[in-house]
Each structure stands twice: as C-alpha cells, then as structure tokens.
Amino acid sequence: MSFTTLPFLVLVALSVAAYYLLPQRVQWMALLAASMVFYCMGGGKTVLYVFYTAVIVYGSGLLLGRFNDLRRAAPKEEKKAITARYKPYRRAVVLVACLANFGLLYVLKYWNFTADLFQPLADQLRPGTQIPLSELVLPLGISFFMFQSVGYVIDVYRDKYAPEKNFAKLLLFVSFFPQMVQGPISRFNDLAPQLFARRSLDYTDLKYGIQLILWGYFKKMVIADRAAVLVNTVLDDPWSYSGSILAVGVLFYCIQLYGDFSGGIDITRGVARLFGIDLAENFRRPLFSTSLTDFWRRWHITLGAWMRDYLFYPLSLSKPFGKLGKFTRKHLKGKLGKILPTSLATFLVYFVIGIWHGANWRYVAFGFWNGMVILVSTLLQPVSDKVVAALHIERKSAWYQVFSMLRTFVVVLIGYYFDIADGFRAAMGMMLKSVTDLHLSQLRPGAVLEALPLTRYDWAVLLFGTVVIFTASVIQERSQRTIREILDEKCLALRWAVLLAGIFAVVLMGVYGPGVQASEFVYMQF
C-alpha cells in the first residue's frame, strides 16, 4: 500500500480515531491492527515474513534475557565466572538470530544474483547443470524490519535493556506501519516506550503531524514524481541522448531522490506524530554536506547509525583488526599506520551499504565508490592539511564551505550513475558519454525542452518546488530549527496562509489522478 493512495489515508484516519477512542491501556492494539492491515494490503502472504522475524527475535530475546538475569542475580564474586560460562551460549543465540534473518534476506534478495554469478562455473564443472533460481516475492521493506529486529537482539545481548516478554508488543515494534516503507530503522529503547505509552488527544501532535505529512506530499507528489517522468524517459534509452542530456537526467535524479526520500520520511514521521510518536530523524539536508562522510551522516541517518554500532565498531574492535593495527603501526610510519585499520573498516561498511541497496554489480560499484573516496580522503588528510596551511586557506570561510559543498555534490553525483544504470558497464558508459559528449549548447532551455518530455508548466513547477525546498533548507541549516518551530512564532494568519498554500500546491500541482501512475517510493525496494 503506497503512502500516496486514498486507502492509506483512510487507514491512517481510522487508526487515529480508533487509537484515541480506545481505552488507553489497549491503545497500542490499534497500532498493531493497523500495521497488520497495512502489510496485508501491501504484501498479502508476505506478512508471514514479518511473523517469522518476530518469532525469531522474540525467542532470542527471551533466551538472552535469562542469561542476563542469571548474571545479574549472581553474587559479585561469581559474576565473571557466570559470564564466561554462558558467553558461548549467548553468542550462539545471537548468531542463530542473525543467520535466520540475514539468511532469509539473502535468499529473497541476493540468491538469484549469486546463482547468475556462479552459473558459468557450474556449466564448466558439470555441463547442463542449472542452479535453481528463487521465485519468492520480496516483502515490503524487508531490510528495514530485519535490521531493526537484529539490532534489538544485539542490544539485549549487550544487556542494554530487558527483552520484551509480550509477543504482540514485540510484533508491533517489528511491524509499526508508518516506517515499513523506508524506515527509519528504530531502536527498541527509543520506539517501544512511545508505542506502548498511554495518551490523550493532543492538538500539537495533530498539528505537527499534519504539517509534516503535507510537506512530505509536496516533496513527493509535486517534485519527485514530476522529476521521475524526466528521469525515467532518459533511463529507458540512455544511448539515444547526448552526454549533455544524460547529465541533466542524473542531475534530476538527485532532485527526484531528494524529494522522494525526504518526502517519504516526512510522511512517515508525520503519521507517527498523529499518534504522539516521535520517530528518529533520518534525513538532515545532505546537500549542505562538506564531505562525503558528512553526507552519509545526513542521508539515511539511522542506517548509518546501525552500520556504525553493529558493524563498524565490532569490526574495528575485533581481534583480527587489533592484530592488523599492531602490524601497521610497527611497519608503517606516521599517521598511516595508525588510521589504516580503522579506514579499512570504514571502507567495508560503505561497501556493505552499497550491497544493501540491491543485488546488482552497479550497487557493488556504488558502495565501492563511496568507500574508496572516504578511504582515500582519510589517508590523504595530512597532505590536504599541509596544502591548506601553505595556501593560508581558512576552512570555515564562506567561500571554502561553498566549494566543499559543490565538491561533495559532484562526488555524490558520480556515485548516482551507478545507482541508476542497468549495470556496472552501463554506468561507466553513461559516465564516459556525459564527459566526452557534453555540449553546452544542448543545455539551453529550448534544447532541453525539445529533448525531454516535460512541458513548460512542469518545468516551472519543478523550478518553483526546488526553490521552495532549497529556501526552507537554508533557513533550517542556519537556524538549526524546523520550519514548524519557526512558524509557531508567527501570527495565526501567516500560519494558516502557509498551511493553505501547501494544501493547494499539492492539490493543484501534484502528480496524481486518473491515468496517472504515481511512482513508488524509491526505497520501498530495499
């Protein structure tokens, strides 16, 4: 079920009504029922995967909780002995939970890619051998709820909090419907207390929720879906366009993805806020990033935080990396010997992030590109510092900040070629053509209008919407406050004017209606 459909809006309205009409002690059941309805309407039988994950993490949490209780209840002098005794069992529980979840994710999302990769080898070893392919349907948002669930198991293993003993409540945590499409990837200790809290209807929650939802629809339906028409036209036959138009297509893919992802997150957080739930921020104006590392701190924040806490730290603090660190410090002089192991762990994290996006060589290349840029940037930081010092450049100066933002944007733009092409070779070909067949004369407004399918009205709306988003982002970046907080300080007439302008913009300029196929959210496939 898409966020941009009428059934979704009806489901939200009915869920909010039921939530506040039910007795407070059972309000969470309305959220669970809405989540099951949402997933059944969107995925049908694939709801069984949600139950599968919930059962695995529920049982794992209870077992780990028992081990934690035994250690906690033991006398002080016996704690270390009990910890050592049960450590292999606790690790086995976590390993089984990870394999059960990520193993299923591998079969559903990556098995066919692996089978195609090894099919030539199978033909050579035994001619005529056909590696079977999976025909299972990929469930909606499977990566999001599996990562969130595995994070819960690891946190219980670390004794960060007690396990949830009510299966239905844990099922709600796994399947809370606003975040099923594209996150955020929540932590149990942040989300669960909000899911099970007792609330009364609050005007501020409803106001902020509606404002966020409206702002999200503006980004998605007015900007992203309109830009998607242009992007899809170019990508359907990229070789029939000049390098100039290809570059325009990739540039508008940036606009599409920005509006699509940030808009979807706004809708997600807005719907949750209607229930008084404040979901984790997942998107913080990434186009103002001054480095690729800064970009990934702002883009898909909760995925980056998950990778940091459950992959980067375990890798960089593991015994193999510890030994590697000793080796590099001994044999490599200066800063390189100190930072190489950590830089390698960082590279592996971004490589995994690339693979997380999909089972295709272009996503492998996407992760490799991001990882290599960050790795090389870290290793060359001492050289960069010397150059900046020699040229007497002030890093905090306005011109250098703008330069850093533009430099980062170009690096991100190059990475998007891997994201949108059919494969790795296609991405490299498109990138090469964008450079060798670039003609400034073809970037004239008239030439672009003739080459691409959008009307003058569509171009005007895209320009208007982009300016609105950019202006709002500049205000937020400078003030470090949300537009909602700023509007609250203004007079009632201005607040209503902005609200009505937003409604009319979505109604009058949104891409929807009979004969229109609104594009699905890009991150739904993950």
Foldseek 3Di string as FASTA:
>chain_A
DFPPDPVNVVLLVVLLVQLQVDALQCSLVSLLVSLVVLQCVVPNPCVVVLVQLLVLLQVLQVVLLVLVVVLVPDPPVCNVVSCVVCVVVNVVSLVVSCCSLVVVVCLAFPPQLVQVVCVVVVCVVPNPDHDDHDPDHDGWQSVQLSLLSSLASVCSNVVVDHRDNDSSLSSCVSRRDLARQFDDSDHCVQFSCLSSGGDHQDPVLLVQLVVLLLQLLCLQFQAQLLLVQQLCVCQVPVVVDFLASLLVSLVSVVSNQVSLVSSSVSNSQSSCSSSVHGGDDQAAPLLLDLALVSSCCHHRPNLVVSCVPPQLVCQCVDPVLVVQLVVLPVPPDDPCSNCVSSLVSQLVSLCVVLVVLHNAQLSNVLSNLSSVRSSVCVVCVVVVVVVCVVVVHDCPDPVNSVVSSVVNVVSVSLSCLSVSHPHDVRSVVSVVSNPPRHDVVCVPPVNSPVVTDDDPVSVVSNVVSVVVVVVQSVVCVVVVDHPVVVVVVDDPVVNVVVVVVSVCCCVVNTQDDPPGDRDHRSSRVD
